[in-house]
Structure formats: C-alpha cells, structure tokens
C-alpha atoms as a PDB file:
ATOM      1  CA  MET A   1      12.352  13.828  -8.363  1.00  0.00           C
ATOM      2  CA  SER A   2      10.763  13.097 -11.721  1.00  0.00           C
ATOM      3  CA  LEU A   3       7.166  11.974 -12.001  1.00  0.00           C
ATOM      4  CA  SER A   4       8.109   8.488 -13.225  1.00  0.00           C
ATOM      5  CA  SER A   5      10.528   7.895 -10.342  1.00  0.00           C
ATOM      6  CA  HIS A   6       7.915   9.193  -7.889  1.00  0.00           C
ATOM      7  CA  LEU A   7       5.338   6.794  -9.341  1.00  0.00           C
ATOM      8  CA  GLN A   8       7.833   3.944  -9.162  1.00  0.00           C
ATOM      9  CA  GLU A   9       8.484   4.718  -5.486  1.00  0.00           C
ATOM     10  CA  LEU A  10       4.729   4.818  -4.764  1.00  0.00           C
ATOM     11  CA  ARG A  11       4.308   1.443  -6.479  1.00  0.00           C
ATOM     12  CA  LYS A  12       7.096  -0.026  -4.330  1.00  0.00           C
ATOM     13  CA  LYS A  13       5.389   1.256  -1.183  1.00  0.00           C
ATOM     14  CA  HIS A  14       2.056  -0.158  -2.408  1.00  0.00           C
ATOM     15  CA  GLN A  15       3.648  -3.570  -2.991  1.00  0.00           C
ATOM     16  CA  ALA A  16       5.292  -3.510   0.443  1.00  0.00           C
ATOM     17  CA  LEU A  17       1.924  -2.750   2.037  1.00  0.00           C
ATOM     18  CA  SER A  18       0.339  -5.586   0.065  1.00  0.00           C
ATOM     19  CA  GLU A  19       2.908  -7.961   1.502  1.00  0.00           C
ATOM     20  CA  LYS A  20       2.342  -6.632   5.037  1.00  0.00           C
ATOM     21  CA  VAL A  21      -1.434  -7.071   4.705  1.00  0.00           C
ATOM     22  CA  GLU A  22      -1.033 -10.605   3.383  1.00  0.00           C
ATOM     23  CA  LEU A  23       1.357 -11.523   6.178  1.00  0.00           C
ATOM     24  CA  ALA A  24      -0.895  -9.985   8.840  1.00  0.00           C
ATOM     25  CA  GLN A  25      -3.927 -11.837   7.496  1.00  0.00           C
ATOM     26  CA  ARG A  26      -2.070 -15.145   7.770  1.00  0.00           C
ATOM     27  CA  SER A  27      -0.976 -14.488  11.336  1.00  0.00           C
ATOM     28  CA  PRO A  28      -3.404 -15.760  13.979  1.00  0.00           C
ATOM     29  CA  ALA A  29      -2.297 -12.998  16.365  1.00  0.00           C
ATOM     30  CA  SER A  30      -2.985 -10.210  13.872  1.00  0.00           C
ATOM     31  CA  ASP A  31      -5.090  -7.245  14.844  1.00  0.00           C
ATOM     32  CA  ASP A  32      -8.070  -6.497  12.576  1.00  0.00           C
ATOM     33  CA  LEU A  33      -7.719  -2.786  13.271  1.00  0.00           C
ATOM     34  CA  ASN A  34      -4.092  -2.875  12.129  1.00  0.00           C
ATOM     35  CA  ILE A  35      -5.023  -4.774   8.955  1.00  0.00           C
ATOM     36  CA  THR A  36      -7.771  -2.232   8.222  1.00  0.00           C
ATOM     37  CA  GLU A  37      -5.323   0.653   8.640  1.00  0.00           C
ATOM     38  CA  LEU A  38      -2.800  -1.021   6.318  1.00  0.00           C
ATOM     39  CA  LYS A  39      -5.531  -1.515   3.715  1.00  0.00           C
ATOM     40  CA  LYS A  40      -6.523   2.165   3.975  1.00  0.00           C
ATOM     41  CA  GLN A  41      -2.907   3.224   3.460  1.00  0.00           C
ATOM     42  CA  LYS A  42      -2.673   0.896   0.484  1.00  0.00           C
ATOM     43  CA  LEU A  43      -5.860   2.348  -1.014  1.00  0.00           C
ATOM     44  CA  ARG A  44      -4.608   5.929  -0.561  1.00  0.00           C
ATOM     45  CA  LEU A  45      -1.397   5.014  -2.372  1.00  0.00           C
ATOM     46  CA  LYS A  46      -3.330   3.337  -5.163  1.00  0.00           C
ATOM     47  CA  GLU A  47      -5.532   6.411  -5.584  1.00  0.00           C
ATOM     48  CA  GLU A  48      -2.499   8.683  -5.704  1.00  0.00           C
ATOM     49  CA  ILE A  49      -0.817   6.428  -8.278  1.00  0.00           C
ATOM     50  CA  GLU A  50      -3.982   6.480 -10.403  1.00  0.00           C
ATOM     51  CA  ARG A  51      -4.290  10.259 -10.100  1.00  0.00           C
ATOM     52  CA  LEU A  52      -0.668  10.882 -11.076  1.00  0.00           C
ATOM     53  CA  SER A  53      -0.782   8.372 -13.929  1.00  0.00           C
ATOM     54  CA  HIS A  54      -3.568  10.234 -15.729  1.00  0.00           C
END
C-alpha cells in the first residue's frame, strides 16, 4: 500500500469517527464514556495522519 493511499484510508476512518461522535452526541441515550473513547481514537488517527504527512 502506498503512503498516499494509506493516508487516504486514515482520513476516511477519521471522517467516519467524526460522524459517529456527532451522532452519539445528538443521541440522548449516548454514553459519555463511549463518546470519549471515540474522540481518543479520532485523535490518534489525526496524530498519525499528521506524522505521516510530514
């Protein structure tokens, strides 16, 4: 897998997590612990994208 396709895949995963976080935050039955874990995953992806981009 080339670096650009790997980065593109990471960005897709990051976007999917963003959508999950947004949806969970809108849901009255959402679990704060779950939202926090999704945000941590999203941050780890963002950091990896940044690291690989430079």
